[in-house]
Amino acid sequence: MDIAFRRLLASDTAHLVRFLTGEVWPFHVVSTVDRETARRWIAEGRFESEENRSFWIVADEDEESAGLVRLMDLGDDTPLFDLRIRAERRGGGEREAAVRWLTRYLFEEFPEVRRVEATTRRDNRPMRRVLARCGYAKEAHYREAWPAPDGTFHDTVGYAVLRRDWLAGTVTLPDWDDEPDAS
């Protein structure tokens, strides 16, 4: 499988609206995006601005994009990302290829970046496995912190990769034994 990443262009607005509204995004806070919301997000600069940069994931030279990578907080030394893969492409390797690519891109293009953070729902096991395979360490667990469209709350899990670990090909886990005694 060949995967390429193409920068989102201003001329991609209609394609981006179709992409966002044409799928259900089960592990996103807004799982069903309507046209008005998609257009508002685009106008607000959520996908392209000084702080945000987005890329289409193009697999096997497919005409339609397999997904979208959105990089956020690019002026910070700890950017975040959002990853959306089309339903029919999930499980096909695009997630892992995208996380490896975006990690390399952020560390190579932004020398001030010290770490890259990711959060996902606890029940998003495929994404959690991808993050672990890509050198991200679990750093946080927030109970009932992720609102779902049905009004329930899911646990949120936080991961990050440090520049020094990425360069060395290692994973440094947090020192969980440093917790104070409750007494």
C-alpha atoms as a PDB file:
ATOM      1  CA  MET A   1       0.000   0.000   0.000  1.00  0.00           C
ATOM      2  CA  ASP A   2       1.371   3.384  -1.022  1.00  0.00           C
ATOM      3  CA  ILE A   3       0.355   6.314   1.160  1.00  0.00           C
ATOM      4  CA  ALA A   4       0.952   9.959   0.332  1.00  0.00           C
ATOM      5  CA  PHE A   5       0.116  13.130   2.221  1.00  0.00           C
ATOM      6  CA  ARG A   6      -1.095  16.203   0.328  1.00  0.00           C
ATOM      7  CA  ARG A   7      -1.520  19.610   1.941  1.00  0.00           C
ATOM      8  CA  LEU A   8      -5.101  20.818   2.160  1.00  0.00           C
ATOM      9  CA  LEU A   9      -5.658  23.694  -0.282  1.00  0.00           C
ATOM     10  CA  ALA A  10      -8.170  26.543  -0.177  1.00  0.00           C
ATOM     11  CA  SER A  11      -9.726  25.005  -3.298  1.00  0.00           C
ATOM     12  CA  ASP A  12     -10.469  21.805  -1.313  1.00  0.00           C
ATOM     13  CA  THR A  13     -13.335  23.361   0.668  1.00  0.00           C
ATOM     14  CA  ALA A  14     -16.143  21.451  -1.084  1.00  0.00           C
ATOM     15  CA  HIS A  15     -14.177  18.192  -0.849  1.00  0.00           C
ATOM     16  CA  LEU A  16     -13.508  18.792   2.860  1.00  0.00           C
ATOM     17  CA  VAL A  17     -17.197  19.465   3.566  1.00  0.00           C
ATOM     18  CA  ARG A  18     -18.152  16.224   1.733  1.00  0.00           C
ATOM     19  CA  PHE A  19     -15.462  14.317   3.645  1.00  0.00           C
ATOM     20  CA  LEU A  20     -16.524  15.591   7.084  1.00  0.00           C
ATOM     21  CA  THR A  21     -20.271  15.191   6.475  1.00  0.00           C
ATOM     22  CA  GLY A  22     -20.097  11.899   4.582  1.00  0.00           C
ATOM     23  CA  GLU A  23     -18.891   9.754   7.477  1.00  0.00           C
ATOM     24  CA  VAL A  24     -19.705   8.994  11.083  1.00  0.00           C
ATOM     25  CA  TRP A  25     -16.674   9.666  13.273  1.00  0.00           C
ATOM     26  CA  PRO A  26     -17.380   7.389  16.265  1.00  0.00           C
ATOM     27  CA  PHE A  27     -14.391   8.404  18.402  1.00  0.00           C
ATOM     28  CA  HIS A  28     -14.754  12.164  17.960  1.00  0.00           C
ATOM     29  CA  VAL A  29     -16.709  14.487  20.238  1.00  0.00           C
ATOM     30  CA  VAL A  30     -18.800  15.520  17.229  1.00  0.00           C
ATOM     31  CA  SER A  31     -19.382  12.178  15.537  1.00  0.00           C
ATOM     32  CA  THR A  32     -21.829  13.402  12.887  1.00  0.00           C
ATOM     33  CA  VAL A  33     -20.866  16.674  11.245  1.00  0.00           C
ATOM     34  CA  ASP A  34     -23.504  18.673   9.353  1.00  0.00           C
ATOM     35  CA  ARG A  35     -22.705  21.031   6.461  1.00  0.00           C
ATOM     36  CA  GLU A  36     -23.182  24.192   8.522  1.00  0.00           C
ATOM     37  CA  THR A  37     -20.771  22.972  11.211  1.00  0.00           C
ATOM     38  CA  ALA A  38     -18.202  21.858   8.628  1.00  0.00           C
ATOM     39  CA  ARG A  39     -18.320  25.223   6.854  1.00  0.00           C
ATOM     40  CA  ARG A  40     -18.066  27.088  10.184  1.00  0.00           C
ATOM     41  CA  TRP A  41     -15.030  25.019  11.220  1.00  0.00           C
ATOM     42  CA  ILE A  42     -13.355  25.761   7.881  1.00  0.00           C
ATOM     43  CA  ALA A  43     -14.116  29.496   8.168  1.00  0.00           C
ATOM     44  CA  GLU A  44     -12.737  29.531  11.729  1.00  0.00           C
ATOM     45  CA  GLY A  45      -9.401  28.190  10.470  1.00  0.00           C
ATOM     46  CA  ARG A  46      -9.588  24.835  12.238  1.00  0.00           C
ATOM     47  CA  PHE A  47      -7.982  23.133   9.252  1.00  0.00           C
ATOM     48  CA  GLU A  48      -5.684  25.805   7.841  1.00  0.00           C
ATOM     49  CA  SER A  49      -4.321  28.770   9.765  1.00  0.00           C
ATOM     50  CA  GLU A  50      -1.126  29.875  11.453  1.00  0.00           C
ATOM     51  CA  GLU A  51      -1.815  27.360  14.258  1.00  0.00           C
ATOM     52  CA  ASN A  52      -3.400  24.559  12.189  1.00  0.00           C
ATOM     53  CA  ARG A  53      -2.255  22.616   9.137  1.00  0.00           C
ATOM     54  CA  SER A  54      -4.101  19.761   7.438  1.00  0.00           C
ATOM     55  CA  PHE A  55      -3.146  17.046   4.970  1.00  0.00           C
ATOM     56  CA  TRP A  56      -5.160  14.594   2.918  1.00  0.00           C
ATOM     57  CA  ILE A  57      -4.151  10.969   3.275  1.00  0.00           C
ATOM     58  CA  VAL A  58      -4.091   9.522  -0.222  1.00  0.00           C
ATOM     59  CA  ALA A  59      -3.768   5.731  -0.419  1.00  0.00           C
ATOM     60  CA  ASP A  60      -2.869   3.750  -3.521  1.00  0.00           C
ATOM     61  CA  GLU A  61      -3.225   6.870  -5.693  1.00  0.00           C
ATOM     62  CA  ASP A  62      -6.963   6.731  -5.012  1.00  0.00           C
ATOM     63  CA  GLU A  63      -8.910   9.682  -6.364  1.00  0.00           C
ATOM     64  CA  GLU A  64     -10.814  10.037  -3.075  1.00  0.00           C
ATOM     65  CA  SER A  65      -8.803  10.665   0.050  1.00  0.00           C
ATOM     66  CA  ALA A  66      -8.549   7.834   2.575  1.00  0.00           C
ATOM     67  CA  GLY A  67      -8.423  10.275   5.457  1.00  0.00           C
ATOM     68  CA  LEU A  68      -7.296  13.564   6.895  1.00  0.00           C
ATOM     69  CA  VAL A  69      -4.530  14.576   9.315  1.00  0.00           C
ATOM     70  CA  ARG A  70      -5.053  17.852  11.160  1.00  0.00           C
ATOM     71  CA  LEU A  71      -2.107  19.285  13.105  1.00  0.00           C
ATOM     72  CA  MET A  72      -3.024  21.773  15.838  1.00  0.00           C
ATOM     73  CA  ASP A  73      -1.223  24.209  18.148  1.00  0.00           C
ATOM     74  CA  LEU A  74       1.717  24.548  15.755  1.00  0.00           C
ATOM     75  CA  GLY A  75       2.978  27.644  17.573  1.00  0.00           C
ATOM     76  CA  ASP A  76       3.386  25.607  20.753  1.00  0.00           C
ATOM     77  CA  ASP A  77       6.228  23.230  21.623  1.00  0.00           C
ATOM     78  CA  THR A  78       3.631  20.484  22.189  1.00  0.00           C
ATOM     79  CA  PRO A  79       1.291  20.215  19.196  1.00  0.00           C
ATOM     80  CA  LEU A  80      -1.716  17.897  18.980  1.00  0.00           C
ATOM     81  CA  PHE A  81      -3.301  16.119  16.061  1.00  0.00           C
ATOM     82  CA  ASP A  82      -6.666  14.928  14.840  1.00  0.00           C
ATOM     83  CA  LEU A  83      -6.860  11.896  12.578  1.00  0.00           C
ATOM     84  CA  ARG A  84      -9.898  10.875  10.548  1.00  0.00           C
ATOM     85  CA  ILE A  85      -9.882   7.742   8.393  1.00  0.00           C
ATOM     86  CA  ARG A  86     -12.821   6.818   6.145  1.00  0.00           C
ATOM     87  CA  ALA A  87     -14.831   3.881   7.531  1.00  0.00           C
ATOM     88  CA  GLU A  88     -14.014   1.549   4.627  1.00  0.00           C
ATOM     89  CA  ARG A  89     -10.285   2.238   5.076  1.00  0.00           C
ATOM     90  CA  ARG A  90     -10.095   1.710   8.842  1.00  0.00           C
ATOM     91  CA  GLY A  91      -7.863  -1.215   9.705  1.00  0.00           C
ATOM     92  CA  GLY A  92      -5.963  -0.957   6.432  1.00  0.00           C
ATOM     93  CA  GLY A  93      -2.764   0.566   7.800  1.00  0.00           C
ATOM     94  CA  GLU A  94      -3.522   4.229   7.091  1.00  0.00           C
ATOM     95  CA  ARG A  95      -3.742   5.102  10.812  1.00  0.00           C
ATOM     96  CA  GLU A  96      -0.274   3.846  11.605  1.00  0.00           C
ATOM     97  CA  ALA A  97       1.242   5.317   8.442  1.00  0.00           C
ATOM     98  CA  ALA A  98      -0.361   8.678   9.267  1.00  0.00           C
ATOM     99  CA  VAL A  99       0.864   8.737  12.885  1.00  0.00           C
ATOM    100  CA  ARG A 100       4.402   7.817  11.827  1.00  0.00           C
ATOM    101  CA  TRP A 101       4.327  10.461   9.086  1.00  0.00           C
ATOM    102  CA  LEU A 102       2.888  13.283  11.212  1.00  0.00           C
ATOM    103  CA  THR A 103       5.331  12.571  14.051  1.00  0.00           C
ATOM    104  CA  ARG A 104       8.293  12.761  11.684  1.00  0.00           C
ATOM    105  CA  TYR A 105       6.838  15.834   9.967  1.00  0.00           C
ATOM    106  CA  LEU A 106       6.358  17.728  13.235  1.00  0.00           C
ATOM    107  CA  PHE A 107       9.821  16.928  14.579  1.00  0.00           C
ATOM    108  CA  GLU A 108      11.561  17.697  11.279  1.00  0.00           C
ATOM    109  CA  GLU A 109       9.611  20.809  10.266  1.00  0.00           C
ATOM    110  CA  PHE A 110       9.319  22.406  13.706  1.00  0.00           C
ATOM    111  CA  PRO A 111      12.639  22.311  15.596  1.00  0.00           C
ATOM    112  CA  GLU A 112      11.051  23.855  18.705  1.00  0.00           C
ATOM    113  CA  VAL A 113       8.638  20.922  19.127  1.00  0.00           C
ATOM    114  CA  ARG A 114       9.664  18.883  22.186  1.00  0.00           C
ATOM    115  CA  ARG A 115       6.774  16.432  22.207  1.00  0.00           C
ATOM    116  CA  VAL A 116       3.667  15.494  20.253  1.00  0.00           C
ATOM    117  CA  GLU A 117       0.490  14.743  22.192  1.00  0.00           C
ATOM    118  CA  ALA A 118      -2.515  12.607  21.349  1.00  0.00           C
ATOM    119  CA  THR A 119      -5.738  11.932  23.188  1.00  0.00           C
ATOM    120  CA  THR A 120      -8.367   9.368  22.410  1.00  0.00           C
ATOM    121  CA  ARG A 121     -11.222   7.610  24.067  1.00  0.00           C
ATOM    122  CA  ARG A 122     -10.309   4.652  26.227  1.00  0.00           C
ATOM    123  CA  ASP A 123     -12.537   2.376  24.120  1.00  0.00           C
ATOM    124  CA  ASN A 124     -10.719   3.340  20.888  1.00  0.00           C
ATOM    125  CA  ARG A 125      -8.433   0.331  21.166  1.00  0.00           C
ATOM    126  CA  PRO A 126      -7.240   0.382  17.532  1.00  0.00           C
ATOM    127  CA  MET A 127      -5.927   3.941  17.903  1.00  0.00           C
ATOM    128  CA  ARG A 128      -4.365   3.173  21.259  1.00  0.00           C
ATOM    129  CA  ARG A 129      -2.497   0.212  19.702  1.00  0.00           C
ATOM    130  CA  VAL A 130      -1.305   2.425  16.843  1.00  0.00           C
ATOM    131  CA  LEU A 131      -0.015   5.069  19.248  1.00  0.00           C
ATOM    132  CA  ALA A 132       1.911   2.433  21.220  1.00  0.00           C
ATOM    133  CA  ARG A 133       3.395   0.925  18.022  1.00  0.00           C
ATOM    134  CA  CYS A 134       4.476   4.405  16.927  1.00  0.00           C
ATOM    135  CA  GLY A 135       6.439   5.094  20.119  1.00  0.00           C
ATOM    136  CA  TYR A 136       3.851   7.108  22.043  1.00  0.00           C
ATOM    137  CA  ALA A 137       3.729   6.464  25.791  1.00  0.00           C
ATOM    138  CA  LYS A 138       0.528   6.542  27.794  1.00  0.00           C
ATOM    139  CA  GLU A 139       0.793   9.521  30.141  1.00  0.00           C
ATOM    140  CA  ALA A 140      -2.720  10.222  31.364  1.00  0.00           C
ATOM    141  CA  HIS A 141      -6.087   8.698  32.081  1.00  0.00           C
ATOM    142  CA  TYR A 142      -9.019  11.048  32.625  1.00  0.00           C
ATOM    143  CA  ARG A 143     -12.146   9.408  33.971  1.00  0.00           C
ATOM    144  CA  GLU A 144     -15.450  10.336  32.322  1.00  0.00           C
ATOM    145  CA  ALA A 145     -13.867  13.278  30.489  1.00  0.00           C
ATOM    146  CA  TRP A 146     -14.976  12.684  26.877  1.00  0.00           C
ATOM    147  CA  PRO A 147     -18.595  13.620  26.141  1.00  0.00           C
ATOM    148  CA  ALA A 148     -20.441  11.409  23.664  1.00  0.00           C
ATOM    149  CA  PRO A 149     -23.365  12.533  21.483  1.00  0.00           C
ATOM    150  CA  ASP A 150     -25.747  10.312  23.488  1.00  0.00           C
ATOM    151  CA  GLY A 151     -24.978  12.235  26.695  1.00  0.00           C
ATOM    152  CA  THR A 152     -22.688   9.616  28.226  1.00  0.00           C
ATOM    153  CA  PHE A 153     -19.065  10.238  29.127  1.00  0.00           C
ATOM    154  CA  HIS A 154     -16.082   8.061  28.253  1.00  0.00           C
ATOM    155  CA  ASP A 155     -12.652   7.901  29.808  1.00  0.00           C
ATOM    156  CA  THR A 156      -9.978   9.813  27.889  1.00  0.00           C
ATOM    157  CA  VAL A 157      -6.448   8.481  27.523  1.00  0.00           C
ATOM    158  CA  GLY A 158      -3.472  10.755  26.821  1.00  0.00           C
ATOM    159  CA  TYR A 159      -0.319   9.732  24.973  1.00  0.00           C
ATOM    160  CA  ALA A 160       2.825  11.572  23.885  1.00  0.00           C
ATOM    161  CA  VAL A 161       6.132  10.988  22.162  1.00  0.00           C
ATOM    162  CA  LEU A 162       9.202  12.978  23.196  1.00  0.00           C
ATOM    163  CA  ARG A 163      11.624  14.272  20.572  1.00  0.00           C
ATOM    164  CA  ARG A 164      14.552  12.587  22.345  1.00  0.00           C
ATOM    165  CA  ASP A 165      12.717   9.235  22.371  1.00  0.00           C
ATOM    166  CA  TRP A 166      11.756   9.598  18.702  1.00  0.00           C
ATOM    167  CA  LEU A 167      15.382  10.338  17.771  1.00  0.00           C
ATOM    168  CA  ALA A 168      16.687   7.404  19.827  1.00  0.00           C
ATOM    169  CA  GLY A 169      13.912   4.979  18.824  1.00  0.00           C
ATOM    170  CA  THR A 170      13.006   4.457  22.488  1.00  0.00           C
ATOM    171  CA  VAL A 171       9.961   4.965  24.686  1.00  0.00           C
ATOM    172  CA  THR A 172      10.379   6.526  28.126  1.00  0.00           C
ATOM    173  CA  LEU A 173       7.431   5.672  30.340  1.00  0.00           C
ATOM    174  CA  PRO A 174       6.244   8.039  33.081  1.00  0.00           C
ATOM    175  CA  ASP A 175       7.394   7.279  36.606  1.00  0.00           C
ATOM    176  CA  TRP A 176       4.052   6.145  38.015  1.00  0.00           C
ATOM    177  CA  ASP A 177       5.673   5.120  41.315  1.00  0.00           C
ATOM    178  CA  ASP A 178       6.115   8.746  42.311  1.00  0.00           C
ATOM    179  CA  GLU A 179       2.520   9.076  43.563  1.00  0.00           C
ATOM    180  CA  PRO A 180       2.122  10.455  47.101  1.00  0.00           C
ATOM    181  CA  ASP A 181       0.499   8.279  49.701  1.00  0.00           C
ATOM    182  CA  ALA A 182      -3.088   9.341  50.432  1.00  0.00           C
ATOM    183  CA  SER A 183      -2.585   9.153  54.207  1.00  0.00           C
END
